[in-house]
Amino acid sequence: LKAKNKVAEAQANATIKIAEAKGEAEA
């Protein structure tokens, strides 16, 4: 469960970074 939570956290962080990069590119 702890490993699954870490994977979910990493995926969430990656999604946030992609969203931020996409937002910067669009800007």
mmCIF file of all heavy atoms, coordinates in Angstrom:
data_MODEL
# 
_entry.id   MODEL 
# 
loop_
_atom_site.group_PDB 
_atom_site.id 
_atom_site.type_symbol 
_atom_site.label_atom_id 
_atom_site.label_alt_id 
_atom_site.label_comp_id 
_atom_site.label_asym_id 
_atom_site.label_entity_id 
_atom_site.label_seq_id 
_atom_site.pdbx_PDB_ins_code 
_atom_site.Cartn_x 
_atom_site.Cartn_y 
_atom_site.Cartn_z 
_atom_site.occupancy 
_atom_site.B_iso_or_equiv 
_atom_site.pdbx_formal_charge 
_atom_site.auth_seq_id 
_atom_site.auth_comp_id 
_atom_site.auth_asym_id 
_atom_site.auth_atom_id 
_atom_site.pdbx_PDB_model_num 
ATOM 1   N N   . LEU A 1 1  ? 0.830  -1.203 0.000   1.00 0.00 ? 1  LEU A N   1 
ATOM 2   C CA  . LEU A 1 1  ? 0.000  0.000  0.000   1.00 0.00 ? 1  LEU A CA  1 
ATOM 3   C C   . LEU A 1 1  ? 0.868  1.257  0.000   1.00 0.00 ? 1  LEU A C   1 
ATOM 4   O O   . LEU A 1 1  ? 0.563  2.234  -0.692  1.00 0.00 ? 1  LEU A O   1 
ATOM 5   C CB  . LEU A 1 1  ? -0.912 -0.021 1.221   1.00 0.00 ? 1  LEU A CB  1 
ATOM 6   C CG  . LEU A 1 1  ? -1.908 1.136  1.355   1.00 0.00 ? 1  LEU A CG  1 
ATOM 7   C CD1 . LEU A 1 1  ? -2.856 1.163  0.157   1.00 0.00 ? 1  LEU A CD1 1 
ATOM 8   C CD2 . LEU A 1 1  ? -2.700 1.017  2.643   1.00 0.00 ? 1  LEU A CD2 1 
ATOM 9   N N   . LYS A 1 2  ? 1.967  1.196  0.762   1.00 0.00 ? 2  LYS A N   1 
ATOM 10  C CA  . LYS A 1 2  ? 2.880  2.334  0.808   1.00 0.00 ? 2  LYS A CA  1 
ATOM 11  C C   . LYS A 1 2  ? 3.523  2.567  -0.557  1.00 0.00 ? 2  LYS A C   1 
ATOM 12  O O   . LYS A 1 2  ? 3.621  3.714  -1.019  1.00 0.00 ? 2  LYS A O   1 
ATOM 13  C CB  . LYS A 1 2  ? 3.944  2.080  1.875   1.00 0.00 ? 2  LYS A CB  1 
ATOM 14  C CG  . LYS A 1 2  ? 4.876  3.254  2.108   1.00 0.00 ? 2  LYS A CG  1 
ATOM 15  C CD  . LYS A 1 2  ? 5.841  2.949  3.238   1.00 0.00 ? 2  LYS A CD  1 
ATOM 16  C CE  . LYS A 1 2  ? 6.770  4.134  3.486   1.00 0.00 ? 2  LYS A CE  1 
ATOM 17  N NZ  . LYS A 1 2  ? 7.730  3.843  4.591   1.00 0.00 ? 2  LYS A NZ  1 
ATOM 18  N N   . ALA A 1 3  ? 3.946  1.445  -1.223  1.00 0.00 ? 3  ALA A N   1 
ATOM 19  C CA  . ALA A 1 3  ? 4.536  1.576  -2.563  1.00 0.00 ? 3  ALA A CA  1 
ATOM 20  C C   . ALA A 1 3  ? 3.517  2.110  -3.563  1.00 0.00 ? 3  ALA A C   1 
ATOM 21  O O   . ALA A 1 3  ? 3.828  2.958  -4.407  1.00 0.00 ? 3  ALA A O   1 
ATOM 22  C CB  . ALA A 1 3  ? 5.071  0.218  -3.016  1.00 0.00 ? 3  ALA A CB  1 
ATOM 23  N N   . LYS A 1 4  ? 2.286  1.620  -3.457  1.00 0.00 ? 4  LYS A N   1 
ATOM 24  C CA  . LYS A 1 4  ? 1.228  2.089  -4.348  1.00 0.00 ? 4  LYS A CA  1 
ATOM 25  C C   . LYS A 1 4  ? 0.974  3.576  -4.146  1.00 0.00 ? 4  LYS A C   1 
ATOM 26  O O   . LYS A 1 4  ? 0.772  4.324  -5.111  1.00 0.00 ? 4  LYS A O   1 
ATOM 27  C CB  . LYS A 1 4  ? -0.045 1.292  -4.082  1.00 0.00 ? 4  LYS A CB  1 
ATOM 28  C CG  . LYS A 1 4  ? -1.194 1.635  -5.004  1.00 0.00 ? 4  LYS A CG  1 
ATOM 29  C CD  . LYS A 1 4  ? -2.410 0.770  -4.706  1.00 0.00 ? 4  LYS A CD  1 
ATOM 30  C CE  . LYS A 1 4  ? -3.575 1.126  -5.632  1.00 0.00 ? 4  LYS A CE  1 
ATOM 31  N NZ  . LYS A 1 4  ? -4.776 0.275  -5.335  1.00 0.00 ? 4  LYS A NZ  1 
ATOM 32  N N   . ASN A 1 5  ? 1.015  3.995  -2.901  1.00 0.00 ? 5  ASN A N   1 
ATOM 33  C CA  . ASN A 1 5  ? 0.819  5.411  -2.619  1.00 0.00 ? 5  ASN A CA  1 
ATOM 34  C C   . ASN A 1 5  ? 1.956  6.259  -3.184  1.00 0.00 ? 5  ASN A C   1 
ATOM 35  O O   . ASN A 1 5  ? 1.729  7.370  -3.675  1.00 0.00 ? 5  ASN A O   1 
ATOM 36  C CB  . ASN A 1 5  ? 0.705  5.633  -1.105  1.00 0.00 ? 5  ASN A CB  1 
ATOM 37  C CG  . ASN A 1 5  ? -0.585 5.061  -0.531  1.00 0.00 ? 5  ASN A CG  1 
ATOM 38  O OD1 . ASN A 1 5  ? -1.557 4.895  -1.249  1.00 0.00 ? 5  ASN A OD1 1 
ATOM 39  N ND2 . ASN A 1 5  ? -0.578 4.767  0.756   1.00 0.00 ? 5  ASN A ND2 1 
ATOM 40  N N   . LYS A 1 6  ? 3.200  5.715  -3.125  1.00 0.00 ? 6  LYS A N   1 
ATOM 41  C CA  . LYS A 1 6  ? 4.333  6.441  -3.693  1.00 0.00 ? 6  LYS A CA  1 
ATOM 42  C C   . LYS A 1 6  ? 4.198  6.560  -5.207  1.00 0.00 ? 6  LYS A C   1 
ATOM 43  O O   . LYS A 1 6  ? 4.476  7.615  -5.785  1.00 0.00 ? 6  LYS A O   1 
ATOM 44  C CB  . LYS A 1 6  ? 5.632  5.729  -3.338  1.00 0.00 ? 6  LYS A CB  1 
ATOM 45  C CG  . LYS A 1 6  ? 6.054  5.905  -1.888  1.00 0.00 ? 6  LYS A CG  1 
ATOM 46  C CD  . LYS A 1 6  ? 7.414  5.285  -1.633  1.00 0.00 ? 6  LYS A CD  1 
ATOM 47  C CE  . LYS A 1 6  ? 7.865  5.536  -0.208  1.00 0.00 ? 6  LYS A CE  1 
ATOM 48  N NZ  . LYS A 1 6  ? 9.216  4.939  0.046   1.00 0.00 ? 6  LYS A NZ  1 
ATOM 49  N N   . VAL A 1 7  ? 3.775  5.458  -5.863  1.00 0.00 ? 7  VAL A N   1 
ATOM 50  C CA  . VAL A 1 7  ? 3.570  5.505  -7.317  1.00 0.00 ? 7  VAL A CA  1 
ATOM 51  C C   . VAL A 1 7  ? 2.491  6.528  -7.662  1.00 0.00 ? 7  VAL A C   1 
ATOM 52  O O   . VAL A 1 7  ? 2.643  7.335  -8.590  1.00 0.00 ? 7  VAL A O   1 
ATOM 53  C CB  . VAL A 1 7  ? 3.187  4.102  -7.851  1.00 0.00 ? 7  VAL A CB  1 
ATOM 54  C CG1 . VAL A 1 7  ? 2.759  4.181  -9.308  1.00 0.00 ? 7  VAL A CG1 1 
ATOM 55  C CG2 . VAL A 1 7  ? 4.355  3.147  -7.696  1.00 0.00 ? 7  VAL A CG2 1 
ATOM 56  N N   . ALA A 1 8  ? 1.407  6.485  -6.903  1.00 0.00 ? 8  ALA A N   1 
ATOM 57  C CA  . ALA A 1 8  ? 0.325  7.441  -7.148  1.00 0.00 ? 8  ALA A CA  1 
ATOM 58  C C   . ALA A 1 8  ? 0.807  8.872  -6.936  1.00 0.00 ? 8  ALA A C   1 
ATOM 59  O O   . ALA A 1 8  ? 0.452  9.786  -7.695  1.00 0.00 ? 8  ALA A O   1 
ATOM 60  C CB  . ALA A 1 8  ? -0.855 7.132  -6.237  1.00 0.00 ? 8  ALA A CB  1 
ATOM 61  N N   . GLU A 1 9  ? 1.655  9.046  -5.906  1.00 0.00 ? 9  GLU A N   1 
ATOM 62  C CA  . GLU A 1 9  ? 2.190  10.383 -5.645  1.00 0.00 ? 9  GLU A CA  1 
ATOM 63  C C   . GLU A 1 9  ? 3.106  10.840 -6.775  1.00 0.00 ? 9  GLU A C   1 
ATOM 64  O O   . GLU A 1 9  ? 3.044  12.001 -7.221  1.00 0.00 ? 9  GLU A O   1 
ATOM 65  C CB  . GLU A 1 9  ? 2.947  10.368 -4.320  1.00 0.00 ? 9  GLU A CB  1 
ATOM 66  C CG  . GLU A 1 9  ? 3.509  11.721 -3.918  1.00 0.00 ? 9  GLU A CG  1 
ATOM 67  C CD  . GLU A 1 9  ? 4.261  11.662 -2.598  1.00 0.00 ? 9  GLU A CD  1 
ATOM 68  O OE1 . GLU A 1 9  ? 4.340  10.562 -2.021  1.00 0.00 ? 9  GLU A OE1 1 
ATOM 69  O OE2 . GLU A 1 9  ? 4.747  12.712 -2.154  1.00 0.00 ? 9  GLU A OE2 1 
ATOM 70  N N   . ALA A 1 10 ? 3.970  9.902  -7.280  1.00 0.00 ? 10 ALA A N   1 
ATOM 71  C CA  . ALA A 1 10 ? 4.864  10.249 -8.395  1.00 0.00 ? 10 ALA A CA  1 
ATOM 72  C C   . ALA A 1 10 ? 4.060  10.590 -9.650  1.00 0.00 ? 10 ALA A C   1 
ATOM 73  O O   . ALA A 1 10 ? 4.373  11.552 -10.368 1.00 0.00 ? 10 ALA A O   1 
ATOM 74  C CB  . ALA A 1 10 ? 5.821  9.090  -8.672  1.00 0.00 ? 10 ALA A CB  1 
ATOM 75  N N   . GLN A 1 11 ? 3.024  9.782  -9.913  1.00 0.00 ? 11 GLN A N   1 
ATOM 76  C CA  . GLN A 1 11 ? 2.185  10.066 -11.076 1.00 0.00 ? 11 GLN A CA  1 
ATOM 77  C C   . GLN A 1 11 ? 1.480  11.405 -10.929 1.00 0.00 ? 11 GLN A C   1 
ATOM 78  O O   . GLN A 1 11 ? 1.368  12.167 -11.898 1.00 0.00 ? 11 GLN A O   1 
ATOM 79  C CB  . GLN A 1 11 ? 1.158  8.945  -11.243 1.00 0.00 ? 11 GLN A CB  1 
ATOM 80  C CG  . GLN A 1 11 ? 1.762  7.614  -11.669 1.00 0.00 ? 11 GLN A CG  1 
ATOM 81  C CD  . GLN A 1 11 ? 0.729  6.513  -11.741 1.00 0.00 ? 11 GLN A CD  1 
ATOM 82  O OE1 . GLN A 1 11 ? -0.377 6.655  -11.239 1.00 0.00 ? 11 GLN A OE1 1 
ATOM 83  N NE2 . GLN A 1 11 ? 1.097  5.394  -12.370 1.00 0.00 ? 11 GLN A NE2 1 
ATOM 84  N N   . ALA A 1 12 ? 1.044  11.694 -9.734  1.00 0.00 ? 12 ALA A N   1 
ATOM 85  C CA  . ALA A 1 12 ? 0.385  12.983 -9.512  1.00 0.00 ? 12 ALA A CA  1 
ATOM 86  C C   . ALA A 1 12 ? 1.363  14.134 -9.719  1.00 0.00 ? 12 ALA A C   1 
ATOM 87  O O   . ALA A 1 12 ? 1.018  15.149 -10.343 1.00 0.00 ? 12 ALA A O   1 
ATOM 88  C CB  . ALA A 1 12 ? -0.205 13.024 -8.103  1.00 0.00 ? 12 ALA A CB  1 
ATOM 89  N N   . ASN A 1 13 ? 2.603  13.955 -9.209  1.00 0.00 ? 13 ASN A N   1 
ATOM 90  C CA  . ASN A 1 13 ? 3.604  15.004 -9.399  1.00 0.00 ? 13 ASN A CA  1 
ATOM 91  C C   . ASN A 1 13 ? 3.942  15.191 -10.871 1.00 0.00 ? 13 ASN A C   1 
ATOM 92  O O   . ASN A 1 13 ? 4.111  16.328 -11.347 1.00 0.00 ? 13 ASN A O   1 
ATOM 93  C CB  . ASN A 1 13 ? 4.869  14.668 -8.608  1.00 0.00 ? 13 ASN A CB  1 
ATOM 94  C CG  . ASN A 1 13 ? 4.641  14.747 -7.105  1.00 0.00 ? 13 ASN A CG  1 
ATOM 95  O OD1 . ASN A 1 13 ? 3.759  15.475 -6.646  1.00 0.00 ? 13 ASN A OD1 1 
ATOM 96  N ND2 . ASN A 1 13 ? 5.415  14.001 -6.331  1.00 0.00 ? 13 ASN A ND2 1 
ATOM 97  N N   . ALA A 1 14 ? 4.076  14.052 -11.593 1.00 0.00 ? 14 ALA A N   1 
ATOM 98  C CA  . ALA A 1 14 ? 4.358  14.147 -13.034 1.00 0.00 ? 14 ALA A CA  1 
ATOM 99  C C   . ALA A 1 14 ? 3.222  14.846 -13.771 1.00 0.00 ? 14 ALA A C   1 
ATOM 100 O O   . ALA A 1 14 ? 3.450  15.680 -14.662 1.00 0.00 ? 14 ALA A O   1 
ATOM 101 C CB  . ALA A 1 14 ? 4.586  12.749 -13.610 1.00 0.00 ? 14 ALA A CB  1 
ATOM 102 N N   . THR A 1 15 ? 2.004  14.496 -13.415 1.00 0.00 ? 15 THR A N   1 
ATOM 103 C CA  . THR A 1 15 ? 0.845  15.141 -14.045 1.00 0.00 ? 15 THR A CA  1 
ATOM 104 C C   . THR A 1 15 ? 0.850  16.636 -13.773 1.00 0.00 ? 15 THR A C   1 
ATOM 105 O O   . THR A 1 15 ? 0.546  17.454 -14.658 1.00 0.00 ? 15 THR A O   1 
ATOM 106 C CB  . THR A 1 15 ? -0.453 14.514 -13.508 1.00 0.00 ? 15 THR A CB  1 
ATOM 107 O OG1 . THR A 1 15 ? -0.446 13.114 -13.785 1.00 0.00 ? 15 THR A OG1 1 
ATOM 108 C CG2 . THR A 1 15 ? -1.665 15.143 -14.156 1.00 0.00 ? 15 THR A CG2 1 
ATOM 109 N N   . ILE A 1 16 ? 1.229  16.993 -12.543 1.00 0.00 ? 16 ILE A N   1 
ATOM 110 C CA  . ILE A 1 16 ? 1.292  18.425 -12.202 1.00 0.00 ? 16 ILE A CA  1 
ATOM 111 C C   . ILE A 1 16 ? 2.356  19.133 -13.038 1.00 0.00 ? 16 ILE A C   1 
ATOM 112 O O   . ILE A 1 16 ? 2.126  20.225 -13.573 1.00 0.00 ? 16 ILE A O   1 
ATOM 113 C CB  . ILE A 1 16 ? 1.573  18.586 -10.700 1.00 0.00 ? 16 ILE A CB  1 
ATOM 114 C CG1 . ILE A 1 16 ? 0.362  18.098 -9.890  1.00 0.00 ? 16 ILE A CG1 1 
ATOM 115 C CG2 . ILE A 1 16 ? 1.879  20.033 -10.351 1.00 0.00 ? 16 ILE A CG2 1 
ATOM 116 C CD1 . ILE A 1 16 ? 0.606  18.062 -8.404  1.00 0.00 ? 16 ILE A CD1 1 
ATOM 117 N N   . LYS A 1 17 ? 3.547  18.490 -13.168 1.00 0.00 ? 17 LYS A N   1 
ATOM 118 C CA  . LYS A 1 17 ? 4.621  19.108 -13.944 1.00 0.00 ? 17 LYS A CA  1 
ATOM 119 C C   . LYS A 1 17 ? 4.235  19.241 -15.413 1.00 0.00 ? 17 LYS A C   1 
ATOM 120 O O   . LYS A 1 17 ? 4.530  20.256 -16.067 1.00 0.00 ? 17 LYS A O   1 
ATOM 121 C CB  . LYS A 1 17 ? 5.896  18.289 -13.802 1.00 0.00 ? 17 LYS A CB  1 
ATOM 122 C CG  . LYS A 1 17 ? 6.499  18.364 -12.401 1.00 0.00 ? 17 LYS A CG  1 
ATOM 123 C CD  . LYS A 1 17 ? 7.773  17.543 -12.316 1.00 0.00 ? 17 LYS A CD  1 
ATOM 124 C CE  . LYS A 1 17 ? 8.369  17.646 -10.917 1.00 0.00 ? 17 LYS A CE  1 
ATOM 125 N NZ  . LYS A 1 17 ? 9.615  16.839 -10.784 1.00 0.00 ? 17 LYS A NZ  1 
ATOM 126 N N   . ILE A 1 18 ? 3.603  18.179 -15.969 1.00 0.00 ? 18 ILE A N   1 
ATOM 127 C CA  . ILE A 1 18 ? 3.159  18.244 -17.368 1.00 0.00 ? 18 ILE A CA  1 
ATOM 128 C C   . ILE A 1 18 ? 2.144  19.363 -17.547 1.00 0.00 ? 18 ILE A C   1 
ATOM 129 O O   . ILE A 1 18 ? 2.194  20.133 -18.518 1.00 0.00 ? 18 ILE A O   1 
ATOM 130 C CB  . ILE A 1 18 ? 2.558  16.891 -17.796 1.00 0.00 ? 18 ILE A CB  1 
ATOM 131 C CG1 . ILE A 1 18 ? 3.656  15.826 -17.848 1.00 0.00 ? 18 ILE A CG1 1 
ATOM 132 C CG2 . ILE A 1 18 ? 1.868  16.999 -19.144 1.00 0.00 ? 18 ILE A CG2 1 
ATOM 133 C CD1 . ILE A 1 18 ? 3.132  14.427 -18.086 1.00 0.00 ? 18 ILE A CD1 1 
ATOM 134 N N   . ALA A 1 19 ? 1.230  19.448 -16.603 1.00 0.00 ? 19 ALA A N   1 
ATOM 135 C CA  . ALA A 1 19 ? 0.219  20.503 -16.686 1.00 0.00 ? 19 ALA A CA  1 
ATOM 136 C C   . ALA A 1 19 ? 0.869  21.876 -16.599 1.00 0.00 ? 19 ALA A C   1 
ATOM 137 O O   . ALA A 1 19 ? 0.487  22.806 -17.327 1.00 0.00 ? 19 ALA A O   1 
ATOM 138 C CB  . ALA A 1 19 ? -0.807 20.316 -15.577 1.00 0.00 ? 19 ALA A CB  1 
ATOM 139 N N   . GLU A 1 20 ? 1.884  21.996 -15.705 1.00 0.00 ? 20 GLU A N   1 
ATOM 140 C CA  . GLU A 1 20 ? 2.571  23.280 -15.588 1.00 0.00 ? 20 GLU A CA  1 
ATOM 141 C C   . GLU A 1 20 ? 3.332  23.616 -16.869 1.00 0.00 ? 20 GLU A C   1 
ATOM 142 O O   . GLU A 1 20 ? 3.287  24.763 -17.347 1.00 0.00 ? 20 GLU A O   1 
ATOM 143 C CB  . GLU A 1 20 ? 3.533  23.239 -14.398 1.00 0.00 ? 20 GLU A CB  1 
ATOM 144 C CG  . GLU A 1 20 ? 2.830  23.199 -13.048 1.00 0.00 ? 20 GLU A CG  1 
ATOM 145 C CD  . GLU A 1 20 ? 3.805  23.069 -11.902 1.00 0.00 ? 20 GLU A CD  1 
ATOM 146 O OE1 . GLU A 1 20 ? 4.993  22.788 -12.175 1.00 0.00 ? 20 GLU A OE1 1 
ATOM 147 O OE2 . GLU A 1 20 ? 3.371  23.234 -10.733 1.00 0.00 ? 20 GLU A OE2 1 
ATOM 148 N N   . ALA A 1 21 ? 4.041  22.596 -17.445 1.00 0.00 ? 21 ALA A N   1 
ATOM 149 C CA  . ALA A 1 21 ? 4.777  22.841 -18.685 1.00 0.00 ? 21 ALA A CA  1 
ATOM 150 C C   . ALA A 1 21 ? 3.835  23.191 -19.836 1.00 0.00 ? 21 ALA A C   1 
ATOM 151 O O   . ALA A 1 21 ? 4.104  24.097 -20.636 1.00 0.00 ? 21 ALA A O   1 
ATOM 152 C CB  . ALA A 1 21 ? 5.608  21.603 -19.050 1.00 0.00 ? 21 ALA A CB  1 
ATOM 153 N N   . LYS A 1 22 ? 2.756  22.461 -19.904 1.00 0.00 ? 22 LYS A N   1 
ATOM 154 C CA  . LYS A 1 22 ? 1.764  22.748 -20.943 1.00 0.00 ? 22 LYS A CA  1 
ATOM 155 C C   . LYS A 1 22 ? 1.196  24.149 -20.775 1.00 0.00 ? 22 LYS A C   1 
ATOM 156 O O   . LYS A 1 22 ? 0.997  24.877 -21.754 1.00 0.00 ? 22 LYS A O   1 
ATOM 157 C CB  . LYS A 1 22 ? 0.645  21.709 -20.874 1.00 0.00 ? 22 LYS A CB  1 
ATOM 158 C CG  . LYS A 1 22 ? -0.381 21.839 -21.979 1.00 0.00 ? 22 LYS A CG  1 
ATOM 159 C CD  . LYS A 1 22 ? -1.409 20.733 -21.892 1.00 0.00 ? 22 LYS A CD  1 
ATOM 160 C CE  . LYS A 1 22 ? -2.443 20.867 -23.016 1.00 0.00 ? 22 LYS A CE  1 
ATOM 161 N NZ  . LYS A 1 22 ? -3.474 19.791 -22.925 1.00 0.00 ? 22 LYS A NZ  1 
ATOM 162 N N   . GLY A 1 23 ? 0.944  24.501 -19.541 1.00 0.00 ? 23 GLY A N   1 
ATOM 163 C CA  . GLY A 1 23 ? 0.438  25.843 -19.290 1.00 0.00 ? 23 GLY A CA  1 
ATOM 164 C C   . GLY A 1 23 ? 1.437  26.909 -19.681 1.00 0.00 ? 23 GLY A C   1 
ATOM 165 O O   . GLY A 1 23 ? 1.074  27.936 -20.271 1.00 0.00 ? 23 GLY A O   1 
ATOM 166 N N   . GLU A 1 24 ? 2.741  26.669 -19.366 1.00 0.00 ? 24 GLU A N   1 
ATOM 167 C CA  . GLU A 1 24 ? 3.769  27.637 -19.756 1.00 0.00 ? 24 GLU A CA  1 
ATOM 168 C C   . GLU A 1 24 ? 3.894  27.738 -21.269 1.00 0.00 ? 24 GLU A C   1 
ATOM 169 O O   . GLU A 1 24 ? 4.042  28.843 -21.823 1.00 0.00 ? 24 GLU A O   1 
ATOM 170 C CB  . GLU A 1 24 ? 5.105  27.233 -19.138 1.00 0.00 ? 24 GLU A CB  1 
ATOM 171 C CG  . GLU A 1 24 ? 5.143  27.365 -17.614 1.00 0.00 ? 24 GLU A CG  1 
ATOM 172 C CD  . GLU A 1 24 ? 6.449  26.883 -17.035 1.00 0.00 ? 24 GLU A CD  1 
ATOM 173 O OE1 . GLU A 1 24 ? 7.300  26.423 -17.832 1.00 0.00 ? 24 GLU A OE1 1 
ATOM 174 O OE2 . GLU A 1 24 ? 6.612  26.967 -15.795 1.00 0.00 ? 24 GLU A OE2 1 
ATOM 175 N N   . ALA A 1 25 ? 3.849  26.560 -21.964 1.00 0.00 ? 25 ALA A N   1 
ATOM 176 C CA  . ALA A 1 25 ? 3.944  26.578 -23.436 1.00 0.00 ? 25 ALA A CA  1 
ATOM 177 C C   . ALA A 1 25 ? 2.764  27.338 -24.047 1.00 0.00 ? 25 ALA A C   1 
ATOM 178 O O   . ALA A 1 25 ? 2.933  28.146 -24.968 1.00 0.00 ? 25 ALA A O   1 
ATOM 179 C CB  . ALA A 1 25 ? 3.986  25.156 -23.970 1.00 0.00 ? 25 ALA A CB  1 
ATOM 180 N N   . GLU A 1 26 ? 1.595  27.062 -23.528 1.00 0.00 ? 26 GLU A N   1 
ATOM 181 C CA  . GLU A 1 26 ? 0.416  27.762 -24.044 1.00 0.00 ? 26 GLU A CA  1 
ATOM 182 C C   . GLU A 1 26 ? 0.508  29.251 -23.751 1.00 0.00 ? 26 GLU A C   1 
ATOM 183 O O   . GLU A 1 26 ? 0.120  30.083 -24.597 1.00 0.00 ? 26 GLU A O   1 
ATOM 184 C CB  . GLU A 1 26 ? -0.849 27.173 -23.426 1.00 0.00 ? 26 GLU A CB  1 
ATOM 185 C CG  . GLU A 1 26 ? -1.151 25.757 -23.900 1.00 0.00 ? 26 GLU A CG  1 
ATOM 186 C CD  . GLU A 1 26 ? -2.389 25.190 -23.239 1.00 0.00 ? 26 GLU A CD  1 
ATOM 187 O OE1 . GLU A 1 26 ? -2.893 25.851 -22.308 1.00 0.00 ? 26 GLU A OE1 1 
ATOM 188 O OE2 . GLU A 1 26 ? -2.837 24.099 -23.641 1.00 0.00 ? 26 GLU A OE2 1 
ATOM 189 N N   . ALA A 1 27 ? 1.055  29.582 -22.590 1.00 0.00 ? 27 ALA A N   1 
ATOM 190 C CA  . ALA A 1 27 ? 1.222  31.000 -22.269 1.00 0.00 ? 27 ALA A CA  1 
ATOM 191 C C   . ALA A 1 27 ? 2.205  31.673 -23.223 1.00 0.00 ? 27 ALA A C   1 
ATOM 192 O O   . ALA A 1 27 ? 1.978  32.809 -23.690 1.00 0.00 ? 27 ALA A O   1 
ATOM 193 C CB  . ALA A 1 27 ? 1.675  31.151 -20.828 1.00 0.00 ? 27 ALA A CB  1 
# 
